[in-house]
Amino acid sequence: MLDLPSPYQAHACGLLHLPRFLEKIRKHLSEGLPKSYQRNFTKGFDGFLCLHLGVSPQEVIQCVMESNNESELDDKLLKLFPGDLNAAAWNRKVVQMGTSDMAKEKLEEVKKNLNAAERVDLISFADVIDFDEKKIP
């Protein structure tokens, strides 16, 4: 799915992955989210982001549903999200997810399934997402 933003793309508020989650929501609402993405919709990075912010995925989905434009959506999200987004902690987590000893085995399994087991440059789940979506050659 080449038209989803990279997990490394930051929202104006500073949070990585948020633009991707918002676009996945839009595609879900318009029934354009491919089946392979539906299984993990609101889970994985989406769910971890919501957990970090102390909100439910459904609350974010509701904001997207009720917004007529990006400005309105940003206003709704600003009201929903906590005052301190702790963007640095979240962004570090996105960049490092898959690098811990516990996660490396799963990361290697995913790389193998993508025929990329030999790729030493794919060191995180965000890298693997970008590779799978052809954002990394």
Protein backbone atom coordinates (compact mmCIF):
# COMPACT_ATOMS: atom_id res chain seq x y z
CA MET A 1 0.00 0.00 0.00
CA LEU A 2 2.24 2.74 -1.31
CA ASP A 3 -0.02 5.69 -0.52
CA LEU A 4 0.13 5.35 3.26
CA PRO A 5 2.58 7.68 4.97
CA SER A 6 5.71 6.13 6.40
CA PRO A 7 5.65 5.39 10.15
CA TYR A 8 8.62 7.78 10.28
CA GLN A 9 6.48 10.70 9.06
CA ALA A 10 5.59 13.04 11.90
CA HIS A 11 2.32 14.86 12.39
CA ALA A 12 2.44 18.62 12.95
CA CYS A 13 2.13 17.88 16.69
CA GLY A 14 5.42 15.96 16.50
CA LEU A 15 4.18 12.37 16.81
CA LEU A 16 5.59 9.80 14.42
CA HIS A 17 3.10 7.34 12.88
CA LEU A 18 0.06 9.56 13.57
CA PRO A 19 -0.31 10.62 9.89
CA ARG A 20 -0.23 6.93 8.91
CA PHE A 21 -2.86 5.99 11.51
CA LEU A 22 -5.13 8.84 10.40
CA GLU A 23 -4.83 7.78 6.75
CA LYS A 24 -5.56 4.16 7.66
CA ILE A 25 -8.69 5.37 9.46
CA ARG A 26 -9.80 7.31 6.38
CA LYS A 27 -9.28 4.25 4.19
CA HIS A 28 -11.13 2.07 6.71
CA LEU A 29 -14.09 4.45 6.77
CA SER A 30 -14.26 4.54 2.98
CA GLU A 31 -13.88 0.74 2.85
CA GLY A 32 -10.57 1.17 1.03
CA LEU A 33 -8.31 -0.43 3.62
CA PRO A 34 -6.98 -3.65 2.08
CA LYS A 35 -7.78 -6.90 3.82
CA SER A 36 -4.11 -7.47 4.68
CA TYR A 37 -4.15 -4.21 6.69
CA GLN A 38 -7.52 -4.76 8.35
CA ARG A 39 -6.19 -7.55 10.57
CA ASN A 40 -3.84 -5.17 12.42
CA PHE A 41 -5.95 -2.02 12.14
CA THR A 42 -5.95 -0.29 15.56
CA LYS A 43 -3.38 -2.82 16.78
CA GLY A 44 0.40 -2.71 16.49
CA PHE A 45 1.71 0.84 16.16
CA ASP A 46 -1.88 2.18 16.01
CA GLY A 47 -2.75 0.60 19.34
CA PHE A 48 0.57 1.45 20.95
CA LEU A 49 0.14 5.10 19.92
CA CYS A 50 -3.32 5.24 21.47
CA LEU A 51 -2.03 3.55 24.62
CA HIS A 52 0.78 6.12 24.81
CA LEU A 53 -1.76 8.94 24.51
CA GLY A 54 -4.28 7.40 26.92
CA VAL A 55 -7.06 7.33 24.33
CA SER A 56 -8.92 4.53 22.59
CA PRO A 57 -8.56 3.92 18.86
CA GLN A 58 -12.33 4.39 18.58
CA GLU A 59 -12.01 7.93 19.94
CA VAL A 60 -9.48 8.80 17.24
CA ILE A 61 -11.70 7.16 14.60
CA GLN A 62 -14.62 9.27 15.86
CA CYS A 63 -12.53 12.45 15.47
CA VAL A 64 -11.76 11.54 11.87
CA MET A 65 -15.41 10.67 11.16
CA GLU A 66 -16.66 13.98 12.57
CA SER A 67 -14.10 16.24 10.88
CA ASN A 68 -14.71 18.04 7.60
CA ASN A 69 -11.08 19.06 7.04
CA GLU A 70 -7.57 18.75 8.45
CA SER A 71 -7.85 21.88 10.57
CA GLU A 72 -11.01 20.63 12.23
CA LEU A 73 -9.42 17.22 12.78
CA ASP A 74 -6.33 18.78 14.36
CA ASP A 75 -8.55 20.78 16.71
CA LYS A 76 -10.47 17.66 17.76
CA LEU A 77 -7.27 15.68 18.29
CA LEU A 78 -5.77 18.52 20.32
CA LYS A 79 -8.79 18.37 22.64
CA LEU A 80 -8.71 14.56 22.83
CA PHE A 81 -4.98 14.10 23.39
CA PRO A 82 -3.26 14.90 26.70
CA GLY A 83 -1.57 18.28 27.08
CA ASP A 84 1.86 16.67 27.18
CA LEU A 85 2.17 14.35 24.20
CA ASN A 86 5.61 13.19 25.32
CA ALA A 87 6.49 13.01 21.63
CA ALA A 88 10.18 12.31 22.25
CA ALA A 89 9.41 9.14 24.22
CA TRP A 90 6.86 7.95 21.66
CA ASN A 91 9.10 8.71 18.68
CA ARG A 92 12.00 6.85 20.28
CA LYS A 93 9.71 3.86 20.75
CA VAL A 94 8.64 3.91 17.08
CA VAL A 95 12.22 4.09 15.88
CA GLN A 96 13.43 1.36 18.23
CA MET A 97 10.49 -1.07 18.08
CA GLY A 98 11.94 -4.39 17.01
CA THR A 99 15.45 -3.77 18.32
CA SER A 100 15.01 -5.28 21.79
CA ASP A 101 16.18 -8.84 22.37
CA MET A 102 12.57 -9.98 22.82
CA ALA A 103 11.42 -8.48 19.52
CA LYS A 104 14.39 -9.37 17.31
CA GLU A 105 13.16 -12.90 16.70
CA LYS A 106 9.78 -11.64 15.46
CA LEU A 107 11.49 -8.98 13.34
CA GLU A 108 13.68 -11.63 11.71
CA GLU A 109 10.60 -13.79 11.07
CA VAL A 110 8.83 -10.89 9.36
CA LYS A 111 11.92 -10.10 7.28
CA LYS A 112 12.14 -13.74 6.21
CA ASN A 113 8.46 -13.71 5.17
CA LEU A 114 9.24 -10.66 3.01
CA ASN A 115 12.23 -12.41 1.42
CA ALA A 116 14.49 -9.86 3.12
CA ALA A 117 16.19 -12.01 5.75
CA GLU A 118 19.61 -10.89 4.51
CA ARG A 119 18.82 -7.16 4.86
CA VAL A 120 20.89 -5.95 7.82
CA ASP A 121 19.68 -2.38 7.22
CA LEU A 122 16.13 -3.27 8.26
CA ILE A 123 16.56 -2.97 12.02
CA SER A 124 13.08 -2.02 13.23
CA PHE A 125 9.44 -2.76 12.46
CA ALA A 126 9.09 0.73 10.95
CA ASP A 127 11.92 -0.16 8.54
CA VAL A 128 10.17 -3.39 7.59
CA ILE A 129 6.90 -1.54 6.98
CA ASP A 130 8.67 0.92 4.69
CA PHE A 131 10.46 -1.93 2.91
CA ASP A 132 7.22 -3.89 2.43
CA GLU A 133 5.54 -0.78 0.97
CA LYS A 134 8.49 -0.16 -1.39
CA LYS A 135 9.55 3.07 0.36
CA ILE A 136 12.96 1.50 0.96
CA PRO A 137 14.51 -0.18 -2.11
